[in-house]
Amino acid sequence: MSNGSFGQTGRLWISWLLVGALLGYGVVQTALTAAKLFTG
């Protein structure tokens, strides 16, 4: 398990997945809030 390139790629994927999850969560929360406002 001394393949450094795989470790870097793995961390890159994990970081991108975390960023995507946070962005997706923010978008969902914004959409839910907007839906509540529009539906009164």
PDB file of N, CA and C in Angstrom:
ATOM      1  N   MET A   1       0.846  -1.206   0.000  1.00  0.00           N
ATOM      2  CA  MET A   1       0.000   0.000   0.000  1.00  0.00           C
ATOM      3  C   MET A   1       0.877   1.250   0.000  1.00  0.00           C
ATOM      4  N   SER A   2       1.876   1.283  -0.877  1.00  0.00           N
ATOM      5  CA  SER A   2       2.775   2.435  -0.936  1.00  0.00           C
ATOM      6  C   SER A   2       2.541   3.235  -2.211  1.00  0.00           C
ATOM      7  N   ASN A   3       1.352   3.096  -2.791  1.00  0.00           N
ATOM      8  CA  ASN A   3       1.060   3.812  -4.031  1.00  0.00           C
ATOM      9  C   ASN A   3       0.588   5.222  -3.677  1.00  0.00           C
ATOM     10  N   GLY A   4       1.490   6.191  -3.743  1.00  0.00           N
ATOM     11  CA  GLY A   4       1.153   7.553  -3.340  1.00  0.00           C
ATOM     12  C   GLY A   4       0.097   8.186  -4.219  1.00  0.00           C
ATOM     13  N   SER A   5       0.111   7.881  -5.525  1.00  0.00           N
ATOM     14  CA  SER A   5      -0.839   8.515  -6.434  1.00  0.00           C
ATOM     15  C   SER A   5      -2.267   8.120  -6.074  1.00  0.00           C
ATOM     16  N   PHE A   6      -2.457   6.863  -5.668  1.00  0.00           N
ATOM     17  CA  PHE A   6      -3.803   6.424  -5.289  1.00  0.00           C
ATOM     18  C   PHE A   6      -4.268   7.169  -4.043  1.00  0.00           C
ATOM     19  N   GLY A   7      -3.341   7.372  -3.094  1.00  0.00           N
ATOM     20  CA  GLY A   7      -3.700   8.093  -1.874  1.00  0.00           C
ATOM     21  C   GLY A   7      -4.131   9.518  -2.189  1.00  0.00           C
ATOM     22  N   GLN A   8      -3.379  10.182  -3.075  1.00  0.00           N
ATOM     23  CA  GLN A   8      -3.740  11.551  -3.448  1.00  0.00           C
ATOM     24  C   GLN A   8      -5.085  11.578  -4.153  1.00  0.00           C
ATOM     25  N   THR A   9      -5.305  10.622  -5.068  1.00  0.00           N
ATOM     26  CA  THR A   9      -6.572  10.581  -5.794  1.00  0.00           C
ATOM     27  C   THR A   9      -7.719  10.314  -4.833  1.00  0.00           C
ATOM     28  N   GLY A  10      -7.491   9.417  -3.875  1.00  0.00           N
ATOM     29  CA  GLY A  10      -8.533   9.107  -2.902  1.00  0.00           C
ATOM     30  C   GLY A  10      -8.911  10.334  -2.091  1.00  0.00           C
ATOM     31  N   ARG A  11      -7.893  11.055  -1.622  1.00  0.00           N
ATOM     32  CA  ARG A  11      -8.188  12.265  -0.841  1.00  0.00           C
ATOM     33  C   ARG A  11      -8.894  13.299  -1.706  1.00  0.00           C
ATOM     34  N   LEU A  12      -8.498  13.387  -2.981  1.00  0.00           N
ATOM     35  CA  LEU A  12      -9.137  14.349  -3.879  1.00  0.00           C
ATOM     36  C   LEU A  12     -10.613  14.010  -4.040  1.00  0.00           C
ATOM     37  N   TRP A  13     -10.914  12.713  -4.259  1.00  0.00           N
ATOM     38  CA  TRP A  13     -12.313  12.289  -4.405  1.00  0.00           C
ATOM     39  C   TRP A  13     -13.091  12.574  -3.129  1.00  0.00           C
ATOM     40  N   ILE A  14     -12.485  12.263  -1.977  1.00  0.00           N
ATOM     41  CA  ILE A  14     -13.180  12.485  -0.708  1.00  0.00           C
ATOM     42  C   ILE A  14     -13.473  13.966  -0.516  1.00  0.00           C
ATOM     43  N   SER A  15     -12.480  14.817  -0.815  1.00  0.00           N
ATOM     44  CA  SER A  15     -12.685  16.258  -0.642  1.00  0.00           C
ATOM     45  C   SER A  15     -13.776  16.762  -1.583  1.00  0.00           C
ATOM     46  N   TRP A  16     -13.771  16.281  -2.833  1.00  0.00           N
ATOM     47  CA  TRP A  16     -14.803  16.708  -3.777  1.00  0.00           C
ATOM     48  C   TRP A  16     -16.174  16.210  -3.345  1.00  0.00           C
ATOM     49  N   LEU A  17     -16.245  14.974  -2.820  1.00  0.00           N
ATOM     50  CA  LEU A  17     -17.525  14.440  -2.355  1.00  0.00           C
ATOM     51  C   LEU A  17     -18.043  15.270  -1.186  1.00  0.00           C
ATOM     52  N   LEU A  18     -17.146  15.669  -0.279  1.00  0.00           N
ATOM     53  CA  LEU A  18     -17.563  16.490   0.854  1.00  0.00           C
ATOM     54  C   LEU A  18     -18.076  17.841   0.372  1.00  0.00           C
ATOM     55  N   VAL A  19     -17.343  18.456  -0.563  1.00  0.00           N
ATOM     56  CA  VAL A  19     -17.773  19.752  -1.101  1.00  0.00           C
ATOM     57  C   VAL A  19     -19.131  19.611  -1.787  1.00  0.00           C
ATOM     58  N   GLY A  20     -19.278  18.553  -2.586  1.00  0.00           N
ATOM     59  CA  GLY A  20     -20.546  18.333  -3.281  1.00  0.00           C
ATOM     60  C   GLY A  20     -21.685  18.104  -2.304  1.00  0.00           C
ATOM     61  N   ALA A  21     -21.414  17.358  -1.238  1.00  0.00           N
ATOM     62  CA  ALA A  21     -22.456  17.089  -0.248  1.00  0.00           C
ATOM     63  C   ALA A  21     -22.874  18.382   0.448  1.00  0.00           C
ATOM     64  N   LEU A  22     -21.894  19.214   0.811  1.00  0.00           N
ATOM     65  CA  LEU A  22     -22.212  20.480   1.474  1.00  0.00           C
ATOM     66  C   LEU A  22     -22.996  21.398   0.547  1.00  0.00           C
ATOM     67  N   LEU A  23     -22.569  21.490  -0.715  1.00  0.00           N
ATOM     68  CA  LEU A  23     -23.280  22.334  -1.676  1.00  0.00           C
ATOM     69  C   LEU A  23     -24.694  21.812  -1.891  1.00  0.00           C
ATOM     70  N   GLY A  24     -24.818  20.495  -2.062  1.00  0.00           N
ATOM     71  CA  GLY A  24     -26.134  19.897  -2.266  1.00  0.00           C
ATOM     72  C   GLY A  24     -27.039  20.154  -1.070  1.00  0.00           C
ATOM     73  N   TYR A  25     -26.490  20.029   0.142  1.00  0.00           N
ATOM     74  CA  TYR A  25     -27.275  20.269   1.350  1.00  0.00           C
ATOM     75  C   TYR A  25     -27.756  21.716   1.399  1.00  0.00           C
ATOM     76  N   GLY A  26     -26.870  22.645   1.062  1.00  0.00           N
ATOM     77  CA  GLY A  26     -27.251  24.058   1.059  1.00  0.00           C
ATOM     78  C   GLY A  26     -28.332  24.336   0.032  1.00  0.00           C
ATOM     79  N   VAL A  27     -28.215  23.729  -1.153  1.00  0.00           N
ATOM     80  CA  VAL A  27     -29.217  23.931  -2.200  1.00  0.00           C
ATOM     81  C   VAL A  27     -30.565  23.379  -1.747  1.00  0.00           C
ATOM     82  N   VAL A  28     -30.553  22.195  -1.132  1.00  0.00           N
ATOM     83  CA  VAL A  28     -31.802  21.585  -0.664  1.00  0.00           C
ATOM     84  C   VAL A  28     -32.449  22.462   0.409  1.00  0.00           C
ATOM     85  N   GLN A  29     -31.656  22.928   1.370  1.00  0.00           N
ATOM     86  CA  GLN A  29     -32.196  23.785   2.423  1.00  0.00           C
ATOM     87  C   GLN A  29     -32.774  25.069   1.835  1.00  0.00           C
ATOM     88  N   THR A  30     -32.076  25.666   0.870  1.00  0.00           N
ATOM     89  CA  THR A  30     -32.574  26.881   0.228  1.00  0.00           C
ATOM     90  C   THR A  30     -33.877  26.608  -0.505  1.00  0.00           C
ATOM     91  N   ALA A  31     -33.939  25.478  -1.215  1.00  0.00           N
ATOM     92  CA  ALA A  31     -35.147  25.132  -1.961  1.00  0.00           C
ATOM     93  C   ALA A  31     -36.314  24.906  -1.005  1.00  0.00           C
ATOM     94  N   LEU A  32     -36.068  24.219   0.106  1.00  0.00           N
ATOM     95  CA  LEU A  32     -37.140  23.970   1.075  1.00  0.00           C
ATOM     96  C   LEU A  32     -37.631  25.284   1.673  1.00  0.00           C
ATOM     97  N   THR A  33     -36.707  26.174   2.019  1.00  0.00           N
ATOM     98  CA  THR A  33     -37.095  27.471   2.582  1.00  0.00           C
ATOM     99  C   THR A  33     -37.907  28.273   1.572  1.00  0.00           C
ATOM    100  N   ALA A  34     -37.464  28.287   0.317  1.00  0.00           N
ATOM    101  CA  ALA A  34     -38.182  29.013  -0.727  1.00  0.00           C
ATOM    102  C   ALA A  34     -39.570  28.408  -0.920  1.00  0.00           C
ATOM    103  N   ALA A  35     -39.666  27.084  -0.897  1.00  0.00           N
ATOM    104  CA  ALA A  35     -40.962  26.429  -1.070  1.00  0.00           C
ATOM    105  C   ALA A  35     -41.900  26.812   0.068  1.00  0.00           C
ATOM    106  N   LYS A  36     -41.382  26.859   1.293  1.00  0.00           N
ATOM    107  CA  LYS A  36     -42.215  27.246   2.432  1.00  0.00           C
ATOM    108  C   LYS A  36     -42.706  28.681   2.264  1.00  0.00           C
ATOM    109  N   LEU A  37     -41.827  29.580   1.814  1.00  0.00           N
ATOM    110  CA  LEU A  37     -42.215  30.975   1.639  1.00  0.00           C
ATOM    111  C   LEU A  37     -43.264  31.111   0.542  1.00  0.00           C
ATOM    112  N   PHE A  38     -43.055  30.423  -0.584  1.00  0.00           N
ATOM    113  CA  PHE A  38     -43.975  30.559  -1.710  1.00  0.00           C
ATOM    114  C   PHE A  38     -45.324  29.922  -1.417  1.00  0.00           C
ATOM    115  N   THR A  39     -45.322  28.821  -0.648  1.00  0.00           N
ATOM    116  CA  THR A  39     -46.582  28.134  -0.371  1.00  0.00           C
ATOM    117  C   THR A  39     -47.276  28.737   0.843  1.00  0.00           C
ATOM    118  N   GLY A  40     -46.616  29.689   1.500  1.00  0.00           N
ATOM    119  CA  GLY A  40     -47.221  30.408   2.586  1.00  0.00           C
ATOM    120  C   GLY A  40     -47.419  29.589   3.832  1.00  0.00           C
TER     121      GLY A  40
END
